[in-house]
Amino acid sequence: MNKDHSPSELLSLGDFSRHSRLSRKALRLYDSLELLPPALVDGSSGYRYYYPAQLERARLIARLRQLNLPLAEIRELLDTPPDIQAERLGELWAREQQAFLERDALAQFLMDTLRGDTAMTYDIQVRAVPAQQLLTVTRKVLAPELPGVIDEGFSLLHRHFSESGAEPTGAPLVIYHGEVNTDSDGPVEICWPYQGDLPPHADFTQRIEPAHTEAYVTLTRAQFQFPEILQAYAAVQAYAEKHGERSPLDTREVYPTYLGKNWCDLQPNDLAGEVTWPFVPRG
């Protein structure tokens, strides 16, 4: 920072806080993130001083925070060339609006659940799945990155089959060994059944998935979107609990369409995949 200015020409931390209406705690945080560093820090006292011109940036940061934008993204936005800042803000705000719509739909789903309402009905099927030889990769991932991680995992597995001479024998699937949301990162196991011999490889796991029974429902791409997919999970879970006991196997999604069509090419009403819930039938 320019140290040619004396403190008398600048605003103290208290004065800057008062004029900007930002707390001293917030200003210290913004300094630590290099979002709004002071113009001068006195070497002996540690006092912070700001240019009056920095008030404009401070007030803009405060308004952007009201849009619920993370501080890291605000810094990125303000470091963007001025002629494209508005465009970049439009992109960030569109994302926030989509996130709000998803939270609103999730809240409605949870209220319906608490009331015992079932707004949607599903054609739930049951099948016996034989033991399968699987090639898998396991990833820890948060919800926003999940689609890309799944697609990358399927591509890695398919490429390995092509290079090794093994042959896929069914649709790829994703097994959820833990909750995936904005806080919990699974893990998820991305799998593909196959036949043939594969040499050991450091990047992949080869294992046998035991035979089991599962309830499943086939969904369109639109129904696969969050939070609509939660209703499908709730439906197959309720069916499994009504007709059997809990299985030691985790819930999963099966993607038959991956064999012939890229996910991004699917239309909203195209069948996209299956949500399944393993269970042990009674009797």
C-alpha atoms as a PDB file:
ATOM      1  CA  MET A   1       0.000   0.000   0.000  1.00  0.00           C
ATOM      2  CA  ASN A   2       1.031   3.564  -0.526  1.00  0.00           C
ATOM      3  CA  LYS A   3       2.699   4.759   2.670  1.00  0.00           C
ATOM      4  CA  ASP A   4       3.202   8.354   1.564  1.00  0.00           C
ATOM      5  CA  HIS A   5      -0.052   9.417   3.180  1.00  0.00           C
ATOM      6  CA  SER A   6      -0.083  10.426   6.809  1.00  0.00           C
ATOM      7  CA  PRO A   7      -2.816   9.069   9.091  1.00  0.00           C
ATOM      8  CA  SER A   8      -4.378  12.540   9.254  1.00  0.00           C
ATOM      9  CA  GLU A   9      -5.279  12.322   5.546  1.00  0.00           C
ATOM     10  CA  LEU A  10      -6.909   8.904   5.992  1.00  0.00           C
ATOM     11  CA  LEU A  11      -9.822   7.453   7.903  1.00  0.00           C
ATOM     12  CA  SER A  12      -9.188   5.464  11.048  1.00  0.00           C
ATOM     13  CA  LEU A  13     -10.751   2.030  11.405  1.00  0.00           C
ATOM     14  CA  GLY A  14     -13.478   3.490  13.619  1.00  0.00           C
ATOM     15  CA  ASP A  15     -14.267   6.345  11.245  1.00  0.00           C
ATOM     16  CA  PHE A  16     -14.243   4.065   8.217  1.00  0.00           C
ATOM     17  CA  SER A  17     -16.534   1.634  10.025  1.00  0.00           C
ATOM     18  CA  ARG A  18     -18.946   4.447  10.845  1.00  0.00           C
ATOM     19  CA  HIS A  19     -19.017   5.881   7.306  1.00  0.00           C
ATOM     20  CA  SER A  20     -19.257   2.502   5.581  1.00  0.00           C
ATOM     21  CA  ARG A  21     -21.683   1.021   8.144  1.00  0.00           C
ATOM     22  CA  LEU A  22     -19.500  -2.096   8.251  1.00  0.00           C
ATOM     23  CA  SER A  23     -18.462  -3.415  11.646  1.00  0.00           C
ATOM     24  CA  ARG A  24     -14.835  -3.458  12.702  1.00  0.00           C
ATOM     25  CA  LYS A  25     -15.054  -7.256  12.785  1.00  0.00           C
ATOM     26  CA  ALA A  26     -16.217  -7.317   9.157  1.00  0.00           C
ATOM     27  CA  LEU A  27     -13.457  -4.923   8.088  1.00  0.00           C
ATOM     28  CA  ARG A  28     -10.814  -7.086   9.756  1.00  0.00           C
ATOM     29  CA  LEU A  29     -12.239 -10.135   7.974  1.00  0.00           C
ATOM     30  CA  TYR A  30     -12.235  -8.362   4.610  1.00  0.00           C
ATOM     31  CA  ASP A  31      -8.632  -7.335   5.237  1.00  0.00           C
ATOM     32  CA  SER A  32      -7.592 -10.938   5.973  1.00  0.00           C
ATOM     33  CA  LEU A  33      -9.227 -12.044   2.714  1.00  0.00           C
ATOM     34  CA  GLU A  34      -7.569  -9.192   0.786  1.00  0.00           C
ATOM     35  CA  LEU A  35     -11.025  -8.065  -0.217  1.00  0.00           C
ATOM     36  CA  LEU A  36     -10.723  -4.637   1.379  1.00  0.00           C
ATOM     37  CA  PRO A  37      -7.212  -4.134   2.780  1.00  0.00           C
ATOM     38  CA  PRO A  38      -6.471  -0.865   4.573  1.00  0.00           C
ATOM     39  CA  ALA A  39      -4.406   1.773   2.845  1.00  0.00           C
ATOM     40  CA  LEU A  40      -1.958   1.873   5.748  1.00  0.00           C
ATOM     41  CA  VAL A  41      -1.226  -0.138   8.867  1.00  0.00           C
ATOM     42  CA  ASP A  42       0.842   1.744  11.427  1.00  0.00           C
ATOM     43  CA  GLY A  43       3.920  -0.328  12.135  1.00  0.00           C
ATOM     44  CA  SER A  44       4.159   0.570  15.819  1.00  0.00           C
ATOM     45  CA  SER A  45       0.511   0.668  16.892  1.00  0.00           C
ATOM     46  CA  GLY A  46      -1.058  -1.734  14.370  1.00  0.00           C
ATOM     47  CA  TYR A  47      -3.830   0.818  13.693  1.00  0.00           C
ATOM     48  CA  ARG A  48      -5.542   0.515  10.325  1.00  0.00           C
ATOM     49  CA  TYR A  49      -6.227   3.507   8.068  1.00  0.00           C
ATOM     50  CA  TYR A  50      -8.301   3.700   4.877  1.00  0.00           C
ATOM     51  CA  TYR A  51      -8.563   6.047   1.903  1.00  0.00           C
ATOM     52  CA  PRO A  52     -11.922   7.849   1.781  1.00  0.00           C
ATOM     53  CA  ALA A  53     -12.202   6.573  -1.811  1.00  0.00           C
ATOM     54  CA  GLN A  54     -12.368   3.019  -0.430  1.00  0.00           C
ATOM     55  CA  LEU A  55     -15.823   3.741   0.970  1.00  0.00           C
ATOM     56  CA  GLU A  56     -17.358   3.095  -2.449  1.00  0.00           C
ATOM     57  CA  ARG A  57     -15.856  -0.398  -2.572  1.00  0.00           C
ATOM     58  CA  ALA A  58     -16.905  -1.065   1.036  1.00  0.00           C
ATOM     59  CA  ARG A  59     -20.522  -0.115   0.353  1.00  0.00           C
ATOM     60  CA  LEU A  60     -20.556  -2.230  -2.799  1.00  0.00           C
ATOM     61  CA  ILE A  61     -19.268  -5.230  -0.853  1.00  0.00           C
ATOM     62  CA  ALA A  62     -22.031  -4.745   1.711  1.00  0.00           C
ATOM     63  CA  ARG A  63     -24.707  -4.690  -0.999  1.00  0.00           C
ATOM     64  CA  LEU A  64     -23.272  -7.739  -2.738  1.00  0.00           C
ATOM     65  CA  ARG A  65     -23.339  -9.625   0.564  1.00  0.00           C
ATOM     66  CA  GLN A  66     -27.069  -8.918   0.702  1.00  0.00           C
ATOM     67  CA  LEU A  67     -27.333 -11.047  -2.439  1.00  0.00           C
ATOM     68  CA  ASN A  68     -25.881 -13.922  -0.392  1.00  0.00           C
ATOM     69  CA  LEU A  69     -22.745 -14.058  -2.528  1.00  0.00           C
ATOM     70  CA  PRO A  70     -19.713 -15.703  -0.887  1.00  0.00           C
ATOM     71  CA  LEU A  71     -16.862 -13.354  -0.072  1.00  0.00           C
ATOM     72  CA  ALA A  72     -14.474 -15.214  -2.363  1.00  0.00           C
ATOM     73  CA  GLU A  73     -16.803 -14.630  -5.304  1.00  0.00           C
ATOM     74  CA  ILE A  74     -17.248 -10.976  -4.387  1.00  0.00           C
ATOM     75  CA  ARG A  75     -13.492 -10.564  -4.452  1.00  0.00           C
ATOM     76  CA  GLU A  76     -13.336 -12.311  -7.831  1.00  0.00           C
ATOM     77  CA  LEU A  77     -16.118 -10.074  -9.136  1.00  0.00           C
ATOM     78  CA  LEU A  78     -14.478  -6.845  -7.969  1.00  0.00           C
ATOM     79  CA  ASP A  79     -11.145  -7.934  -9.433  1.00  0.00           C
ATOM     80  CA  THR A  80     -12.833  -8.515 -12.801  1.00  0.00           C
ATOM     81  CA  PRO A  81     -12.335  -5.788 -15.428  1.00  0.00           C
ATOM     82  CA  PRO A  82     -15.034  -3.110 -14.923  1.00  0.00           C
ATOM     83  CA  ASP A  83     -16.492  -3.533 -18.413  1.00  0.00           C
ATOM     84  CA  ILE A  84     -17.569  -7.148 -17.676  1.00  0.00           C
ATOM     85  CA  GLN A  85     -18.448  -6.884 -13.992  1.00  0.00           C
ATOM     86  CA  ALA A  86     -22.159  -6.487 -14.689  1.00  0.00           C
ATOM     87  CA  GLU A  87     -22.168  -9.562 -16.920  1.00  0.00           C
ATOM     88  CA  ARG A  88     -20.339 -11.607 -14.302  1.00  0.00           C
ATOM     89  CA  LEU A  89     -22.733 -10.447 -11.588  1.00  0.00           C
ATOM     90  CA  GLY A  90     -25.627 -11.534 -13.812  1.00  0.00           C
ATOM     91  CA  GLU A  91     -24.141 -15.039 -13.988  1.00  0.00           C
ATOM     92  CA  LEU A  92     -23.694 -15.223 -10.233  1.00  0.00           C
ATOM     93  CA  TRP A  93     -27.201 -13.935  -9.580  1.00  0.00           C
ATOM     94  CA  ALA A  94     -28.727 -16.440 -12.018  1.00  0.00           C
ATOM     95  CA  ARG A  95     -27.034 -19.192 -10.052  1.00  0.00           C
ATOM     96  CA  GLU A  96     -28.379 -17.795  -6.772  1.00  0.00           C
ATOM     97  CA  GLN A  97     -31.894 -17.652  -8.229  1.00  0.00           C
ATOM     98  CA  GLN A  98     -31.644 -21.290  -9.323  1.00  0.00           C
ATOM     99  CA  ALA A  99     -30.398 -22.246  -5.877  1.00  0.00           C
ATOM    100  CA  PHE A 100     -33.382 -20.445  -4.329  1.00  0.00           C
ATOM    101  CA  LEU A 101     -35.798 -22.333  -6.571  1.00  0.00           C
ATOM    102  CA  GLU A 102     -34.202 -25.610  -5.513  1.00  0.00           C
ATOM    103  CA  ARG A 103     -34.397 -24.698  -1.824  1.00  0.00           C
ATOM    104  CA  ASP A 104     -38.014 -23.639  -2.268  1.00  0.00           C
ATOM    105  CA  ALA A 105     -38.872 -26.969  -3.886  1.00  0.00           C
ATOM    106  CA  LEU A 106     -36.997 -28.813  -1.144  1.00  0.00           C
ATOM    107  CA  ALA A 107     -38.916 -26.918   1.543  1.00  0.00           C
ATOM    108  CA  GLN A 108     -42.191 -27.859  -0.150  1.00  0.00           C
ATOM    109  CA  PHE A 109     -41.109 -31.499  -0.311  1.00  0.00           C
ATOM    110  CA  LEU A 110     -40.212 -31.492   3.397  1.00  0.00           C
ATOM    111  CA  MET A 111     -43.507 -29.832   4.366  1.00  0.00           C
ATOM    112  CA  ASP A 112     -45.401 -32.436   2.342  1.00  0.00           C
ATOM    113  CA  THR A 113     -43.385 -35.169   4.036  1.00  0.00           C
ATOM    114  CA  LEU A 114     -44.136 -33.813   7.502  1.00  0.00           C
ATOM    115  CA  ARG A 115     -47.836 -33.654   6.629  1.00  0.00           C
ATOM    116  CA  GLY A 116     -47.773 -37.192   5.281  1.00  0.00           C
ATOM    117  CA  ASP A 117     -48.712 -36.025   1.779  1.00  0.00           C
ATOM    118  CA  THR A 118     -47.483 -37.931  -1.266  1.00  0.00           C
ATOM    119  CA  ALA A 119     -47.841 -35.537  -4.152  1.00  0.00           C
ATOM    120  CA  MET A 120     -46.344 -37.955  -6.698  1.00  0.00           C
ATOM    121  CA  THR A 121     -46.940 -41.651  -7.306  1.00  0.00           C
ATOM    122  CA  TYR A 122     -44.395 -43.966  -8.899  1.00  0.00           C
ATOM    123  CA  ASP A 123     -44.519 -47.257 -10.691  1.00  0.00           C
ATOM    124  CA  ILE A 124     -42.200 -49.094  -8.311  1.00  0.00           C
ATOM    125  CA  GLN A 125     -40.781 -52.364  -9.569  1.00  0.00           C
ATOM    126  CA  VAL A 126     -38.824 -55.130  -7.852  1.00  0.00           C
ATOM    127  CA  ARG A 127     -36.043 -57.202  -9.366  1.00  0.00           C
ATOM    128  CA  ALA A 128     -33.492 -59.780  -8.340  1.00  0.00           C
ATOM    129  CA  VAL A 129     -29.990 -58.680  -9.258  1.00  0.00           C
ATOM    130  CA  PRO A 130     -27.418 -61.484  -9.673  1.00  0.00           C
ATOM    131  CA  ALA A 131     -23.913 -61.221  -8.297  1.00  0.00           C
ATOM    132  CA  GLN A 132     -21.858 -58.969 -10.544  1.00  0.00           C
ATOM    133  CA  GLN A 133     -18.188 -58.338 -11.140  1.00  0.00           C
ATOM    134  CA  LEU A 134     -17.639 -54.593 -10.865  1.00  0.00           C
ATOM    135  CA  LEU A 135     -14.887 -52.203 -11.861  1.00  0.00           C
ATOM    136  CA  THR A 136     -15.160 -49.128  -9.648  1.00  0.00           C
ATOM    137  CA  VAL A 137     -13.678 -45.773  -8.700  1.00  0.00           C
ATOM    138  CA  THR A 138     -14.579 -44.058  -5.429  1.00  0.00           C
ATOM    139  CA  ARG A 139     -14.785 -40.321  -4.991  1.00  0.00           C
ATOM    140  CA  LYS A 140     -15.620 -37.856  -2.230  1.00  0.00           C
ATOM    141  CA  VAL A 141     -17.736 -35.124  -3.750  1.00  0.00           C
ATOM    142  CA  LEU A 142     -20.183 -32.397  -2.752  1.00  0.00           C
ATOM    143  CA  ALA A 143     -23.549 -32.039  -4.480  1.00  0.00           C
ATOM    144  CA  PRO A 144     -22.703 -29.202  -6.914  1.00  0.00           C
ATOM    145  CA  GLU A 145     -19.839 -31.217  -8.462  1.00  0.00           C
ATOM    146  CA  LEU A 146     -21.627 -34.594  -8.465  1.00  0.00           C
ATOM    147  CA  PRO A 147     -22.865 -34.721 -12.111  1.00  0.00           C
ATOM    148  CA  GLY A 148     -19.427 -33.905 -13.484  1.00  0.00           C
ATOM    149  CA  VAL A 149     -17.719 -36.428 -11.210  1.00  0.00           C
ATOM    150  CA  ILE A 150     -20.141 -39.171 -12.260  1.00  0.00           C
ATOM    151  CA  ASP A 151     -19.639 -38.439 -15.949  1.00  0.00           C
ATOM    152  CA  GLU A 152     -15.860 -38.379 -15.518  1.00  0.00           C
ATOM    153  CA  GLY A 153     -15.964 -41.670 -13.607  1.00  0.00           C
ATOM    154  CA  PHE A 154     -18.019 -43.423 -16.281  1.00  0.00           C
ATOM    155  CA  SER A 155     -15.621 -42.158 -18.947  1.00  0.00           C
ATOM    156  CA  LEU A 156     -12.600 -43.471 -17.031  1.00  0.00           C
ATOM    157  CA  LEU A 157     -14.165 -46.904 -16.590  1.00  0.00           C
ATOM    158  CA  HIS A 158     -15.261 -47.145 -20.223  1.00  0.00           C
ATOM    159  CA  ARG A 159     -11.821 -46.102 -21.442  1.00  0.00           C
ATOM    160  CA  HIS A 160     -10.180 -48.711 -19.236  1.00  0.00           C
ATOM    161  CA  PHE A 161     -12.429 -51.424 -20.682  1.00  0.00           C
ATOM    162  CA  SER A 162     -11.497 -50.347 -24.201  1.00  0.00           C
ATOM    163  CA  GLU A 163      -7.784 -50.369 -23.435  1.00  0.00           C
ATOM    164  CA  SER A 164      -7.776 -53.673 -21.525  1.00  0.00           C
ATOM    165  CA  GLY A 165     -10.131 -55.739 -23.653  1.00  0.00           C
ATOM    166  CA  ALA A 166     -12.696 -56.393 -20.906  1.00  0.00           C
ATOM    167  CA  GLU A 167     -16.358 -56.153 -21.846  1.00  0.00           C
ATOM    168  CA  PRO A 168     -19.114 -54.267 -19.986  1.00  0.00           C
ATOM    169  CA  THR A 169     -22.059 -56.529 -19.179  1.00  0.00           C
ATOM    170  CA  GLY A 170     -24.669 -54.048 -17.987  1.00  0.00           C
ATOM    171  CA  ALA A 171     -25.509 -50.459 -17.211  1.00  0.00           C
ATOM    172  CA  PRO A 172     -23.163 -48.362 -15.086  1.00  0.00           C
ATOM    173  CA  LEU A 173     -24.298 -47.386 -11.625  1.00  0.00           C
ATOM    174  CA  VAL A 174     -23.417 -45.090  -8.735  1.00  0.00           C
ATOM    175  CA  ILE A 175     -23.545 -46.429  -5.167  1.00  0.00           C
ATOM    176  CA  TYR A 176     -23.974 -43.843  -2.410  1.00  0.00           C
ATOM    177  CA  HIS A 177     -22.031 -44.908   0.667  1.00  0.00           C
ATOM    178  CA  GLY A 178     -22.853 -41.634   2.392  1.00  0.00           C
ATOM    179  CA  GLU A 179     -25.053 -38.583   2.029  1.00  0.00           C
ATOM    180  CA  VAL A 180     -24.075 -36.158  -0.715  1.00  0.00           C
ATOM    181  CA  ASN A 181     -25.149 -32.546  -0.231  1.00  0.00           C
ATOM    182  CA  THR A 182     -23.471 -29.169   0.190  1.00  0.00           C
ATOM    183  CA  ASP A 183     -21.829 -30.299   3.472  1.00  0.00           C
ATOM    184  CA  SER A 184     -21.432 -34.087   3.179  1.00  0.00           C
ATOM    185  CA  ASP A 185     -19.178 -35.603   0.509  1.00  0.00           C
ATOM    186  CA  GLY A 186     -20.345 -39.207   0.318  1.00  0.00           C
ATOM    187  CA  PRO A 187     -18.295 -41.067  -0.667  1.00  0.00           C
ATOM    188  CA  VAL A 188     -19.785 -42.350  -3.917  1.00  0.00           C
ATOM    189  CA  GLU A 189     -18.647 -45.447  -5.771  1.00  0.00           C
ATOM    190  CA  ILE A 190     -18.903 -45.220  -9.558  1.00  0.00           C
ATOM    191  CA  CYS A 191     -19.254 -48.740 -10.944  1.00  0.00           C
ATOM    192  CA  TRP A 192     -19.581 -50.744 -14.148  1.00  0.00           C
ATOM    193  CA  PRO A 193     -20.327 -54.484 -14.389  1.00  0.00           C
ATOM    194  CA  TYR A 194     -17.991 -56.403 -16.704  1.00  0.00           C
ATOM    195  CA  GLN A 195     -16.743 -59.803 -17.753  1.00  0.00           C
ATOM    196  CA  GLY A 196     -13.243 -60.922 -18.586  1.00  0.00           C
ATOM    197  CA  ASP A 197      -9.889 -60.596 -16.889  1.00  0.00           C
ATOM    198  CA  LEU A 198      -8.473 -57.260 -15.854  1.00  0.00           C
ATOM    199  CA  PRO A 199      -4.987 -56.785 -14.459  1.00  0.00           C
ATOM    200  CA  PRO A 200      -4.804 -54.908 -11.140  1.00  0.00           C
ATOM    201  CA  HIS A 201      -4.673 -51.146 -11.556  1.00  0.00           C
ATOM    202  CA  ALA A 202      -3.900 -48.506  -8.942  1.00  0.00           C
ATOM    203  CA  ASP A 203      -6.735 -46.238 -10.086  1.00  0.00           C
ATOM    204  CA  PHE A 204      -9.517 -48.846  -9.988  1.00  0.00           C
ATOM    205  CA  THR A 205     -11.059 -51.408  -7.669  1.00  0.00           C
ATOM    206  CA  GLN A 206     -12.284 -54.799  -8.863  1.00  0.00           C
ATOM    207  CA  ARG A 207     -14.838 -56.512  -6.647  1.00  0.00           C
ATOM    208  CA  ILE A 208     -17.897 -58.740  -6.606  1.00  0.00           C
ATOM    209  CA  GLU A 209     -21.202 -57.105  -5.745  1.00  0.00           C
ATOM    210  CA  PRO A 210     -23.373 -59.747  -4.047  1.00  0.00           C
ATOM    211  CA  ALA A 211     -26.723 -60.850  -5.412  1.00  0.00           C
ATOM    212  CA  HIS A 212     -29.627 -58.928  -3.927  1.00  0.00           C
ATOM    213  CA  THR A 213     -33.210 -57.769  -4.345  1.00  0.00           C
ATOM    214  CA  GLU A 214     -33.974 -54.122  -4.968  1.00  0.00           C
ATOM    215  CA  ALA A 215     -36.969 -51.859  -5.399  1.00  0.00           C
ATOM    216  CA  TYR A 216     -36.514 -49.381  -8.211  1.00  0.00           C
ATOM    217  CA  VAL A 217     -38.255 -46.678 -10.173  1.00  0.00           C
ATOM    218  CA  THR A 218     -37.364 -45.349 -13.615  1.00  0.00           C
ATOM    219  CA  LEU A 219     -37.161 -41.565 -13.902  1.00  0.00           C
ATOM    220  CA  THR A 220     -37.015 -39.007 -16.666  1.00  0.00           C
ATOM    221  CA  ARG A 221     -34.212 -36.506 -16.760  1.00  0.00           C
ATOM    222  CA  ALA A 222     -36.522 -33.863 -15.294  1.00  0.00           C
ATOM    223  CA  GLN A 223     -37.400 -36.165 -12.379  1.00  0.00           C
ATOM    224  CA  PHE A 224     -33.698 -36.793 -11.770  1.00  0.00           C
ATOM    225  CA  GLN A 225     -33.168 -33.150 -10.849  1.00  0.00           C
ATOM    226  CA  PHE A 226     -32.789 -32.096  -7.216  1.00  0.00           C
ATOM    227  CA  PRO A 227     -34.960 -31.948  -5.183  1.00  0.00           C
ATOM    228  CA  GLU A 228     -37.514 -33.890  -7.287  1.00  0.00           C
ATOM    229  CA  ILE A 229     -35.324 -36.978  -7.061  1.00  0.00           C
ATOM    230  CA  LEU A 230     -35.784 -36.984  -3.268  1.00  0.00           C
ATOM    231  CA  GLN A 231     -39.422 -37.964  -3.770  1.00  0.00           C
ATOM    232  CA  ALA A 232     -38.322 -40.995  -5.776  1.00  0.00           C
ATOM    233  CA  TYR A 233     -35.872 -42.006  -3.065  1.00  0.00           C
ATOM    234  CA  ALA A 234     -38.573 -41.631  -0.425  1.00  0.00           C
ATOM    235  CA  ALA A 235     -40.958 -43.783  -2.493  1.00  0.00           C
ATOM    236  CA  VAL A 236     -38.551 -46.699  -3.044  1.00  0.00           C
ATOM    237  CA  GLN A 237     -37.391 -46.551   0.569  1.00  0.00           C
ATOM    238  CA  ALA A 238     -40.989 -46.687   1.825  1.00  0.00           C
ATOM    239  CA  TYR A 239     -41.728 -49.636  -0.480  1.00  0.00           C
ATOM    240  CA  ALA A 240     -38.627 -51.528   0.682  1.00  0.00           C
ATOM    241  CA  GLU A 241     -39.409 -50.937   4.362  1.00  0.00           C
ATOM    242  CA  LYS A 242     -42.988 -52.074   3.876  1.00  0.00           C
ATOM    243  CA  HIS A 243     -42.090 -55.291   2.049  1.00  0.00           C
ATOM    244  CA  GLY A 244     -38.842 -56.349   3.666  1.00  0.00           C
ATOM    245  CA  GLU A 245     -35.899 -55.734   5.934  1.00  0.00           C
ATOM    246  CA  ARG A 246     -32.973 -53.390   5.503  1.00  0.00           C
ATOM    247  CA  SER A 247     -30.186 -54.642   3.259  1.00  0.00           C
ATOM    248  CA  PRO A 248     -26.509 -54.158   4.143  1.00  0.00           C
ATOM    249  CA  LEU A 249     -26.069 -52.758   0.624  1.00  0.00           C
ATOM    250  CA  ASP A 250     -26.334 -49.021   0.021  1.00  0.00           C
ATOM    251  CA  THR A 251     -28.778 -47.195  -2.219  1.00  0.00           C
ATOM    252  CA  ARG A 252     -27.781 -46.589  -5.823  1.00  0.00           C
ATOM    253  CA  GLU A 253     -28.651 -45.060  -9.165  1.00  0.00           C
ATOM    254  CA  VAL A 254     -28.449 -47.047 -12.402  1.00  0.00           C
ATOM    255  CA  TYR A 255     -27.907 -45.336 -15.753  1.00  0.00           C
ATOM    256  CA  PRO A 256     -28.968 -47.581 -18.677  1.00  0.00           C
ATOM    257  CA  THR A 257     -29.155 -44.574 -21.022  1.00  0.00           C
ATOM    258  CA  TYR A 258     -25.426 -43.954 -20.632  1.00  0.00           C
ATOM    259  CA  LEU A 259     -24.890 -46.881 -22.975  1.00  0.00           C
ATOM    260  CA  GLY A 260     -26.455 -45.073 -25.895  1.00  0.00           C
ATOM    261  CA  LYS A 261     -26.914 -41.384 -25.188  1.00  0.00           C
ATOM    262  CA  ASN A 262     -25.004 -38.688 -23.391  1.00  0.00           C
ATOM    263  CA  TRP A 263     -26.728 -37.210 -20.359  1.00  0.00           C
ATOM    264  CA  CYS A 264     -26.482 -33.690 -21.764  1.00  0.00           C
ATOM    265  CA  ASP A 265     -28.340 -34.806 -24.911  1.00  0.00           C
ATOM    266  CA  LEU A 266     -31.366 -36.096 -22.996  1.00  0.00           C
ATOM    267  CA  GLN A 267     -34.577 -34.089 -23.148  1.00  0.00           C
ATOM    268  CA  PRO A 268     -36.542 -33.423 -19.920  1.00  0.00           C
ATOM    269  CA  ASN A 269     -39.065 -36.196 -20.691  1.00  0.00           C
ATOM    270  CA  ASP A 270     -36.480 -38.760 -21.846  1.00  0.00           C
ATOM    271  CA  LEU A 271     -35.986 -41.743 -19.553  1.00  0.00           C
ATOM    272  CA  ALA A 272     -32.686 -41.125 -17.795  1.00  0.00           C
ATOM    273  CA  GLY A 273     -32.063 -43.722 -15.102  1.00  0.00           C
ATOM    274  CA  GLU A 274     -33.274 -45.635 -12.095  1.00  0.00           C
ATOM    275  CA  VAL A 275     -33.281 -44.963  -8.372  1.00  0.00           C
ATOM    276  CA  THR A 276     -32.962 -48.243  -6.496  1.00  0.00           C
ATOM    277  CA  TRP A 277     -33.164 -49.376  -2.873  1.00  0.00           C
ATOM    278  CA  PRO A 278     -31.755 -52.829  -1.968  1.00  0.00           C
ATOM    279  CA  PHE A 279     -33.763 -54.771   0.627  1.00  0.00           C
ATOM    280  CA  VAL A 280     -34.279 -58.271   1.991  1.00  0.00           C
ATOM    281  CA  PRO A 281     -37.834 -59.458   1.161  1.00  0.00           C
ATOM    282  CA  ARG A 282     -39.838 -60.977   3.997  1.00  0.00           C
ATOM    283  CA  GLY A 283     -40.549 -64.666   3.762  1.00  0.00           C
END
